[in-house]
């Protein structure tokens, strides 16, 4: 599965992995299965930013902003670009062909721009709220890793590719259901352990993962209805959606 791991790291982060060649669907499946593992450096980066900001006594809102900025740089902003293109596609979805055409263009429309601004604001505000929790660096870092379980979920068997080309054609409809369920349960376990170590409720982490998973299921259903399936943009946007809803779920009941 080394080819899949290299594809996951090279696609989801800025870490150089050399020439990937033309991946086949087996490599694409392995990449989506290993996406949360490939995100471990991103989780470590987020945790270090929180820990350093806390040690320097920076304002919580500044720390949240720095975390979001660091992740954007470390992922080339590709997931944010995917989010904007996906929302623009939904907004222009008079027909499947028009929606896909809008998504393929490089510009960002008003709906995509609004989605970016609101999503980033939610992420910063949620991290700000989480910093009152003990060991918040662990919770934020774990959430980054768990958010990448969006990849196997959106590439589950039965979720087709919207186009015959592009990343979606390589990875869509490749991940067997047992592995998808396994990653969702593993994500719930990771977040439960992280929130427990942080001195928070045992159920908060699992509840947050449940909310984020429901959001991803909605996205998969909407993408299939509007686009005919998923694309690389939908997968990138799904990561941002999962990460945002997960953060919001983790803040429910947190008292500053």
Protein backbone atom coordinates (compact mmCIF):
# COMPACT_ATOMS: atom_id res chain seq x y z
CA UNK A 1 0.00 0.00 0.00
CA UNK A 2 3.05 2.28 -0.17
CA UNK A 3 1.88 3.73 -3.48
CA UNK A 4 -1.45 4.63 -1.91
CA UNK A 5 0.24 6.27 1.06
CA UNK A 6 2.49 8.30 -1.24
CA UNK A 7 -0.54 9.37 -3.27
CA UNK A 8 -2.42 10.36 -0.12
CA UNK A 9 0.50 12.35 1.28
CA UNK A 10 1.28 13.98 -2.06
CA UNK A 11 -2.35 14.90 -2.69
CA UNK A 12 -3.45 15.96 0.78
CA UNK A 13 -0.29 17.76 1.96
CA UNK A 14 2.66 19.74 0.61
CA UNK A 15 5.13 17.05 1.70
CA UNK A 16 7.18 16.04 -1.40
CA UNK A 17 6.82 12.38 -2.36
CA UNK A 18 8.41 12.30 -5.81
CA UNK A 19 6.81 11.39 -9.12
CA UNK A 20 3.52 9.58 -8.54
CA UNK A 21 2.99 8.62 -12.16
CA UNK A 22 -0.57 7.83 -13.27
CA UNK A 23 -2.34 6.14 -10.32
CA UNK A 24 -4.79 3.32 -10.92
CA UNK A 25 -8.00 2.73 -8.99
CA UNK A 26 -6.36 0.28 -6.58
CA UNK A 27 -3.80 2.92 -5.63
CA UNK A 28 -6.62 5.46 -5.37
CA UNK A 29 -8.53 3.18 -3.02
CA UNK A 30 -5.46 2.70 -0.83
CA UNK A 31 -4.86 6.47 -0.80
CA UNK A 32 -8.38 7.16 0.47
CA UNK A 33 -8.09 4.41 3.07
CA UNK A 34 -4.81 5.88 4.32
CA UNK A 35 -5.87 9.54 4.17
CA UNK A 36 -6.23 9.92 7.98
CA UNK A 37 -2.75 8.44 8.45
CA UNK A 38 -1.33 10.75 5.78
CA UNK A 39 -2.84 13.65 7.76
CA UNK A 40 -0.81 12.88 10.89
CA UNK A 41 1.78 15.59 10.03
CA UNK A 42 -1.08 18.09 9.62
CA UNK A 43 -2.48 17.12 13.02
CA UNK A 44 0.94 17.55 14.57
CA UNK A 45 1.30 20.95 12.91
CA UNK A 46 -2.05 22.15 14.28
CA UNK A 47 -1.22 20.84 17.75
CA UNK A 48 2.17 22.61 17.72
CA UNK A 49 0.60 25.91 16.65
CA UNK A 50 -1.93 25.68 19.50
CA UNK A 51 0.76 24.73 22.04
CA UNK A 52 3.14 27.49 20.88
CA UNK A 53 0.40 30.11 20.80
CA UNK A 54 -0.73 29.15 24.28
CA UNK A 55 2.83 29.26 25.60
CA UNK A 56 3.29 32.73 24.09
CA UNK A 57 -0.03 33.85 25.62
CA UNK A 58 -1.43 34.91 22.27
CA UNK A 59 -5.14 35.77 22.14
CA UNK A 60 -7.27 32.70 21.49
CA UNK A 61 -8.71 34.18 18.29
CA UNK A 62 -5.19 34.76 16.98
CA UNK A 63 -4.24 31.16 17.74
CA UNK A 64 -7.32 29.92 15.93
CA UNK A 65 -6.47 32.06 12.93
CA UNK A 66 -2.88 30.80 12.88
CA UNK A 67 -4.06 27.17 12.99
CA UNK A 68 -6.38 27.71 10.04
CA UNK A 69 -3.68 29.59 8.12
CA UNK A 70 -1.04 26.91 8.80
CA UNK A 71 -3.35 24.16 7.56
CA UNK A 72 -4.21 26.16 4.44
CA UNK A 73 -0.51 26.54 3.61
CA UNK A 74 0.26 22.89 4.42
CA UNK A 75 -2.48 21.69 2.05
CA UNK A 76 -1.87 24.27 -0.70
CA UNK A 77 -5.37 25.54 0.00
CA UNK A 78 -6.67 22.72 -2.21
CA UNK A 79 -9.45 21.69 0.17
CA UNK A 80 -10.64 25.27 0.46
CA UNK A 81 -10.59 25.55 -3.32
CA UNK A 82 -12.62 22.35 -3.52
CA UNK A 83 -15.13 23.73 -1.04
CA UNK A 84 -15.60 26.93 -3.06
CA UNK A 85 -15.93 25.07 -6.37
CA UNK A 86 -18.40 22.57 -4.91
CA UNK A 87 -20.64 25.28 -3.46
CA UNK A 88 -20.51 27.19 -6.76
CA UNK A 89 -21.46 23.98 -8.53
CA UNK A 90 -24.46 23.47 -6.25
CA UNK A 91 -25.50 27.06 -6.84
CA UNK A 92 -25.26 26.76 -10.63
CA UNK A 93 -26.84 23.34 -10.77
CA UNK A 94 -29.61 24.03 -13.30
CA UNK A 95 -28.29 20.95 -15.10
CA UNK A 96 -25.60 18.42 -14.26
CA UNK A 97 -23.49 19.57 -17.21
CA UNK A 98 -23.63 23.23 -16.18
CA UNK A 99 -22.78 22.41 -12.56
CA UNK A 100 -19.71 20.41 -13.62
CA UNK A 101 -18.67 23.15 -16.03
CA UNK A 102 -18.83 25.76 -13.25
CA UNK A 103 -16.79 23.51 -10.96
CA UNK A 104 -14.14 22.98 -13.60
CA UNK A 105 -13.53 26.73 -14.04
CA UNK A 106 -10.79 28.24 -11.91
CA UNK A 107 -12.67 31.33 -10.74
CA UNK A 108 -14.66 31.57 -7.50
CA UNK A 109 -18.23 32.81 -7.65
CA UNK A 110 -20.20 34.68 -4.98
CA UNK A 111 -21.58 31.54 -3.37
CA UNK A 112 -18.15 29.95 -3.21
CA UNK A 113 -16.63 33.11 -1.75
CA UNK A 114 -19.34 33.33 0.89
CA UNK A 115 -18.85 29.65 1.76
CA UNK A 116 -15.11 30.20 2.22
CA UNK A 117 -15.54 33.23 4.46
CA UNK A 118 -18.23 31.65 6.63
CA UNK A 119 -16.39 28.33 6.90
CA UNK A 120 -13.12 29.97 7.93
CA UNK A 121 -14.93 32.15 10.47
CA UNK A 122 -16.59 29.07 11.97
CA UNK A 123 -13.26 27.25 12.18
CA UNK A 124 -11.48 30.14 13.89
CA UNK A 125 -14.36 30.74 16.30
CA UNK A 126 -14.62 27.05 17.18
CA UNK A 127 -10.89 26.71 17.86
CA UNK A 128 -11.09 29.89 19.94
CA UNK A 129 -13.83 28.28 22.05
CA UNK A 130 -11.93 25.00 22.39
CA UNK A 131 -8.83 26.67 23.82
CA UNK A 132 -10.50 26.91 27.23
CA UNK A 133 -10.28 23.10 27.44
CA UNK A 134 -7.25 21.56 29.12
CA UNK A 135 -4.87 19.94 26.60
CA UNK A 136 -6.70 21.73 23.78
CA UNK A 137 -3.69 21.16 21.50
CA UNK A 138 -4.45 17.42 21.60
CA UNK A 139 -8.13 17.91 20.78
CA UNK A 140 -7.42 20.21 17.83
CA UNK A 141 -4.65 17.98 16.46
CA UNK A 142 -6.81 14.87 16.74
CA UNK A 143 -9.69 16.65 15.01
CA UNK A 144 -7.49 17.42 11.99
CA UNK A 145 -6.62 13.73 11.59
CA UNK A 146 -10.19 12.52 12.14
CA UNK A 147 -11.56 15.02 9.60
CA UNK A 148 -9.67 13.13 6.87
CA UNK A 149 -11.99 10.15 7.38
CA UNK A 150 -14.13 12.17 4.97
CA UNK A 151 -12.01 10.67 2.17
CA UNK A 152 -12.99 6.99 2.59
CA UNK A 153 -16.58 7.98 3.37
CA UNK A 154 -17.01 10.02 0.17
CA UNK A 155 -15.28 7.30 -1.86
CA UNK A 156 -17.38 4.44 -0.50
CA UNK A 157 -18.72 1.75 -2.79
CA UNK A 158 -21.94 2.99 -4.36
CA UNK A 159 -20.81 6.63 -4.62
CA UNK A 160 -19.77 7.02 -8.29
CA UNK A 161 -17.48 9.54 -9.92
CA UNK A 162 -19.19 12.54 -11.51
CA UNK A 163 -16.70 12.59 -14.41
CA UNK A 164 -14.78 9.92 -16.30
CA UNK A 165 -11.52 11.82 -15.68
CA UNK A 166 -9.77 13.58 -12.81
CA UNK A 167 -9.08 12.47 -9.25
CA UNK A 168 -12.69 11.50 -8.65
CA UNK A 169 -12.54 8.88 -11.41
CA UNK A 170 -9.53 7.26 -9.70
CA UNK A 171 -10.83 7.16 -6.13
CA UNK A 172 -14.64 7.18 -6.28
CA UNK A 173 -16.61 3.99 -5.61
CA UNK A 174 -13.50 2.14 -4.37
CA UNK A 175 -13.67 1.84 -0.57
CA UNK A 176 -15.65 -1.15 0.77
CA UNK A 177 -18.34 -0.34 3.35
CA UNK A 178 -16.65 -2.24 6.25
CA UNK A 179 -13.58 0.00 5.94
CA UNK A 180 -15.76 3.13 5.88
CA UNK A 181 -17.57 2.02 9.04
CA UNK A 182 -14.23 1.09 10.59
CA UNK A 183 -12.82 4.57 10.02
CA UNK A 184 -15.95 6.25 11.39
CA UNK A 185 -15.73 4.15 14.54
CA UNK A 186 -11.99 4.73 14.79
CA UNK A 187 -12.57 8.48 14.44
CA UNK A 188 -15.14 8.37 17.23
CA UNK A 189 -12.68 6.46 19.40
CA UNK A 190 -9.84 8.88 18.70
CA UNK A 191 -11.95 11.93 19.51
CA UNK A 192 -13.41 10.27 22.63
CA UNK A 193 -9.90 9.51 23.88
CA UNK A 194 -8.69 13.04 23.09
CA UNK A 195 -11.58 14.75 24.87
CA UNK A 196 -11.21 12.39 27.84
CA UNK A 197 -7.51 13.21 28.20
CA UNK A 198 -8.47 16.88 27.97
CA UNK A 199 -10.78 16.40 30.94
CA UNK A 200 -13.94 16.79 28.90
CA UNK A 201 -17.04 14.61 28.53
CA UNK A 202 -16.48 11.14 27.09
CA UNK A 203 -19.48 11.56 24.79
CA UNK A 204 -18.50 14.92 23.32
CA UNK A 205 -15.94 13.50 20.91
CA UNK A 206 -18.22 10.73 19.68
CA UNK A 207 -21.16 13.10 19.31
CA UNK A 208 -19.04 15.51 17.27
CA UNK A 209 -17.95 12.70 14.94
CA UNK A 210 -21.59 11.65 14.53
CA UNK A 211 -22.56 15.19 13.52
CA UNK A 212 -19.68 15.44 11.05
CA UNK A 213 -20.51 12.03 9.55
CA UNK A 214 -24.13 13.06 9.05
CA UNK A 215 -22.93 16.20 7.26
CA UNK A 216 -20.75 14.06 4.95
CA UNK A 217 -23.63 11.71 4.18
CA UNK A 218 -25.72 14.74 3.21
CA UNK A 219 -22.89 16.00 0.98
CA UNK A 220 -22.51 12.60 -0.73
CA UNK A 221 -26.26 12.42 -1.39
CA UNK A 222 -26.38 16.00 -2.68
CA UNK A 223 -23.32 15.50 -4.91
CA UNK A 224 -24.80 12.37 -6.43
CA UNK A 225 -28.13 14.11 -7.10
CA UNK A 226 -26.61 17.33 -8.52
CA UNK A 227 -23.34 16.21 -10.15
CA UNK A 228 -23.97 12.51 -10.68
CA UNK A 229 -21.28 11.59 -8.14
CA UNK A 230 -18.15 12.97 -6.52
CA UNK A 231 -15.15 14.83 -7.91
CA UNK A 232 -11.82 15.83 -6.42
CA UNK A 233 -13.41 19.16 -5.51
CA UNK A 234 -16.22 17.42 -3.63
CA UNK A 235 -13.71 15.34 -1.67
CA UNK A 236 -11.67 18.43 -0.79
CA UNK A 237 -14.79 20.33 0.17
CA UNK A 238 -15.90 17.32 2.21
CA UNK A 239 -12.71 17.46 4.25
CA UNK A 240 -13.37 21.12 5.08
CA UNK A 241 -17.03 20.36 5.89
CA UNK A 242 -16.08 17.47 8.18
CA UNK A 243 -13.37 19.52 9.92
CA UNK A 244 -15.73 22.47 10.45
CA UNK A 245 -18.71 20.47 11.72
CA UNK A 246 -16.40 18.38 13.92
CA UNK A 247 -14.98 21.54 15.52
CA UNK A 248 -18.47 22.95 16.07
CA UNK A 249 -19.62 19.68 17.62
CA UNK A 250 -16.65 19.71 19.98
CA UNK A 251 -17.62 23.18 21.22
CA UNK A 252 -21.19 22.21 22.15
CA UNK A 253 -21.53 22.61 25.91
CA UNK A 254 -18.03 24.05 26.37
CA UNK A 255 -18.14 26.83 28.96
CA UNK A 256 -15.53 29.59 28.73
